[in-house]
């Protein structure tokens, strides 16, 4: 459903457009007030973030060149096939113990 201009009414026939007729001026006022409240809230948040950013910049400046280094990514650790097999074997052993009841308190609760 799109906007349709009717020749006999010289207005849009979409329901949203009908809401903004002078019959309902309070709706437009409420929407405008809500937008202004949201704008003030966002401006307040922006002020707080700018304050925090200035603090971070001041700290970086105080540290000098040591703060300019790039963060180095952590090297991915690789597990050998033998290591992986040992972990699987130990896990199977633990689950077998749990299934058969194992020692006191070792069974499934």
C-alpha atoms as a PDB file:
ATOM      1  CA  UNK A   1       0.000   0.000   0.000  1.00  0.00           C
ATOM      2  CA  UNK A   2       1.564   3.290  -1.070  1.00  0.00           C
ATOM      3  CA  UNK A   3       0.587   6.903  -1.009  1.00  0.00           C
ATOM      4  CA  UNK A   4      -2.192   7.726  -3.413  1.00  0.00           C
ATOM      5  CA  UNK A   5      -3.225  11.228  -4.339  1.00  0.00           C
ATOM      6  CA  UNK A   6      -6.943  11.303  -4.969  1.00  0.00           C
ATOM      7  CA  UNK A   7      -8.163  13.902  -7.395  1.00  0.00           C
ATOM      8  CA  UNK A   8     -11.415  14.691  -5.605  1.00  0.00           C
ATOM      9  CA  UNK A   9      -9.839  15.255  -2.162  1.00  0.00           C
ATOM     10  CA  UNK A  10      -6.484  16.810  -3.145  1.00  0.00           C
ATOM     11  CA  UNK A  11      -4.848  14.977  -0.225  1.00  0.00           C
ATOM     12  CA  UNK A  12      -3.063  11.741   0.497  1.00  0.00           C
ATOM     13  CA  UNK A  13      -5.291   8.823   1.411  1.00  0.00           C
ATOM     14  CA  UNK A  14      -2.736   7.015   3.562  1.00  0.00           C
ATOM     15  CA  UNK A  15      -3.946   6.575   7.200  1.00  0.00           C
ATOM     16  CA  UNK A  16      -0.751   8.023   8.681  1.00  0.00           C
ATOM     17  CA  UNK A  17      -1.245  11.266   6.776  1.00  0.00           C
ATOM     18  CA  UNK A  18      -4.791  11.570   8.095  1.00  0.00           C
ATOM     19  CA  UNK A  19      -3.457  11.504  11.675  1.00  0.00           C
ATOM     20  CA  UNK A  20      -1.587  14.773  11.103  1.00  0.00           C
ATOM     21  CA  UNK A  21      -4.680  16.716  10.063  1.00  0.00           C
ATOM     22  CA  UNK A  22      -5.542  19.688  12.272  1.00  0.00           C
ATOM     23  CA  UNK A  23      -8.146  17.505  14.009  1.00  0.00           C
ATOM     24  CA  UNK A  24      -5.332  15.817  15.950  1.00  0.00           C
ATOM     25  CA  UNK A  25      -2.754  18.526  16.725  1.00  0.00           C
ATOM     26  CA  UNK A  26      -1.916  17.019  20.125  1.00  0.00           C
ATOM     27  CA  UNK A  27      -0.463  13.905  18.465  1.00  0.00           C
ATOM     28  CA  UNK A  28       2.073  15.972  16.565  1.00  0.00           C
ATOM     29  CA  UNK A  29       2.941  17.911  19.728  1.00  0.00           C
ATOM     30  CA  UNK A  30       3.453  14.690  21.700  1.00  0.00           C
ATOM     31  CA  UNK A  31       5.720  13.268  19.003  1.00  0.00           C
ATOM     32  CA  UNK A  32       7.714  16.478  18.803  1.00  0.00           C
ATOM     33  CA  UNK A  33       8.120  16.597  22.596  1.00  0.00           C
ATOM     34  CA  UNK A  34       9.306  12.968  22.633  1.00  0.00           C
ATOM     35  CA  UNK A  35      11.870  13.671  19.914  1.00  0.00           C
ATOM     36  CA  UNK A  36      13.170  16.704  21.826  1.00  0.00           C
ATOM     37  CA  UNK A  37      13.458  14.662  25.052  1.00  0.00           C
ATOM     38  CA  UNK A  38      15.400  11.975  23.200  1.00  0.00           C
ATOM     39  CA  UNK A  39      17.675  14.617  21.669  1.00  0.00           C
ATOM     40  CA  UNK A  40      18.466  16.076  25.114  1.00  0.00           C
ATOM     41  CA  UNK A  41      19.163  12.601  26.501  1.00  0.00           C
ATOM     42  CA  UNK A  42      21.550  11.807  23.630  1.00  0.00           C
ATOM     43  CA  UNK A  43      23.319  15.164  23.996  1.00  0.00           C
ATOM     44  CA  UNK A  44      23.842  14.428  27.699  1.00  0.00           C
ATOM     45  CA  UNK A  45      25.304  10.996  26.859  1.00  0.00           C
ATOM     46  CA  UNK A  46      27.544  12.593  24.230  1.00  0.00           C
ATOM     47  CA  UNK A  47      28.834  15.049  26.818  1.00  0.00           C
ATOM     48  CA  UNK A  48      29.676  12.221  29.226  1.00  0.00           C
ATOM     49  CA  UNK A  49      31.460  10.257  26.482  1.00  0.00           C
ATOM     50  CA  UNK A  50      33.451  13.321  25.419  1.00  0.00           C
ATOM     51  CA  UNK A  51      34.500  13.824  29.053  1.00  0.00           C
ATOM     52  CA  UNK A  52      35.645  10.180  29.286  1.00  0.00           C
ATOM     53  CA  UNK A  53      37.468  10.458  25.951  1.00  0.00           C
ATOM     54  CA  UNK A  54      39.313  13.544  27.151  1.00  0.00           C
ATOM     55  CA  UNK A  55      40.368  11.614  30.254  1.00  0.00           C
ATOM     56  CA  UNK A  56      41.687   8.730  28.171  1.00  0.00           C
ATOM     57  CA  UNK A  57      43.554  11.127  25.881  1.00  0.00           C
ATOM     58  CA  UNK A  58      45.114  12.874  28.887  1.00  0.00           C
ATOM     59  CA  UNK A  59      46.220   9.529  30.341  1.00  0.00           C
ATOM     60  CA  UNK A  60      47.715   8.494  26.998  1.00  0.00           C
ATOM     61  CA  UNK A  61      49.549  11.795  26.738  1.00  0.00           C
ATOM     62  CA  UNK A  62      50.916  11.355  30.277  1.00  0.00           C
ATOM     63  CA  UNK A  63      52.216   7.894  29.388  1.00  0.00           C
ATOM     64  CA  UNK A  64      53.966   9.252  26.320  1.00  0.00           C
ATOM     65  CA  UNK A  65      55.059   6.971  23.525  1.00  0.00           C
ATOM     66  CA  UNK A  66      54.358   3.797  25.476  1.00  0.00           C
ATOM     67  CA  UNK A  67      50.617   4.346  24.885  1.00  0.00           C
ATOM     68  CA  UNK A  68      51.070   4.519  21.117  1.00  0.00           C
ATOM     69  CA  UNK A  69      52.082   0.907  20.645  1.00  0.00           C
ATOM     70  CA  UNK A  70      49.640  -1.340  18.858  1.00  0.00           C
ATOM     71  CA  UNK A  71      47.946  -4.145  20.695  1.00  0.00           C
ATOM     72  CA  UNK A  72      49.429  -7.427  19.567  1.00  0.00           C
ATOM     73  CA  UNK A  73      46.973 -10.276  19.057  1.00  0.00           C
ATOM     74  CA  UNK A  74      47.346 -13.436  21.088  1.00  0.00           C
ATOM     75  CA  UNK A  75      48.911 -16.289  19.164  1.00  0.00           C
ATOM     76  CA  UNK A  76      46.508 -19.185  18.702  1.00  0.00           C
ATOM     77  CA  UNK A  77      47.532 -22.245  20.673  1.00  0.00           C
ATOM     78  CA  UNK A  78      47.600 -25.500  18.731  1.00  0.00           C
ATOM     79  CA  UNK A  79      47.002 -28.851  20.398  1.00  0.00           C
ATOM     80  CA  UNK A  80      48.744 -31.907  18.983  1.00  0.00           C
ATOM     81  CA  UNK A  81      46.767 -34.984  17.966  1.00  0.00           C
ATOM     82  CA  UNK A  82      48.376 -36.963  20.827  1.00  0.00           C
ATOM     83  CA  UNK A  83      47.388 -34.298  23.345  1.00  0.00           C
ATOM     84  CA  UNK A  84      43.822 -34.193  22.018  1.00  0.00           C
ATOM     85  CA  UNK A  85      43.620 -38.016  22.197  1.00  0.00           C
ATOM     86  CA  UNK A  86      44.807 -37.984  25.834  1.00  0.00           C
ATOM     87  CA  UNK A  87      42.108 -35.441  26.747  1.00  0.00           C
ATOM     88  CA  UNK A  88      39.410 -37.515  25.031  1.00  0.00           C
ATOM     89  CA  UNK A  89      40.604 -40.682  26.790  1.00  0.00           C
ATOM     90  CA  UNK A  90      40.540 -38.972  30.210  1.00  0.00           C
ATOM     91  CA  UNK A  91      37.045 -37.535  29.563  1.00  0.00           C
ATOM     92  CA  UNK A  92      35.715 -40.978  28.586  1.00  0.00           C
ATOM     93  CA  UNK A  93      37.247 -42.455  31.727  1.00  0.00           C
ATOM     94  CA  UNK A  94      35.578 -39.786  33.919  1.00  0.00           C
ATOM     95  CA  UNK A  95      32.159 -40.339  32.295  1.00  0.00           C
ATOM     96  CA  UNK A  96      32.489 -44.125  32.645  1.00  0.00           C
ATOM     97  CA  UNK A  97      33.193 -43.694  36.341  1.00  0.00           C
ATOM     98  CA  UNK A  98      30.128 -41.440  36.731  1.00  0.00           C
ATOM     99  CA  UNK A  99      27.881 -43.871  34.844  1.00  0.00           C
ATOM    100  CA  UNK A 100      28.840 -46.900  36.942  1.00  0.00           C
ATOM    101  CA  UNK A 101      28.530 -44.991  40.233  1.00  0.00           C
ATOM    102  CA  UNK A 102      32.239 -44.726  40.933  1.00  0.00           C
ATOM    103  CA  UNK A 103      33.283 -44.023  44.496  1.00  0.00           C
ATOM    104  CA  UNK A 104      30.954 -42.542  47.079  1.00  0.00           C
ATOM    105  CA  UNK A 105      29.193 -39.526  45.625  1.00  0.00           C
ATOM    106  CA  UNK A 106      30.507 -40.283  42.160  1.00  0.00           C
ATOM    107  CA  UNK A 107      27.160 -41.309  40.641  1.00  0.00           C
ATOM    108  CA  UNK A 108      24.612 -39.162  38.884  1.00  0.00           C
ATOM    109  CA  UNK A 109      22.436 -37.257  41.331  1.00  0.00           C
END
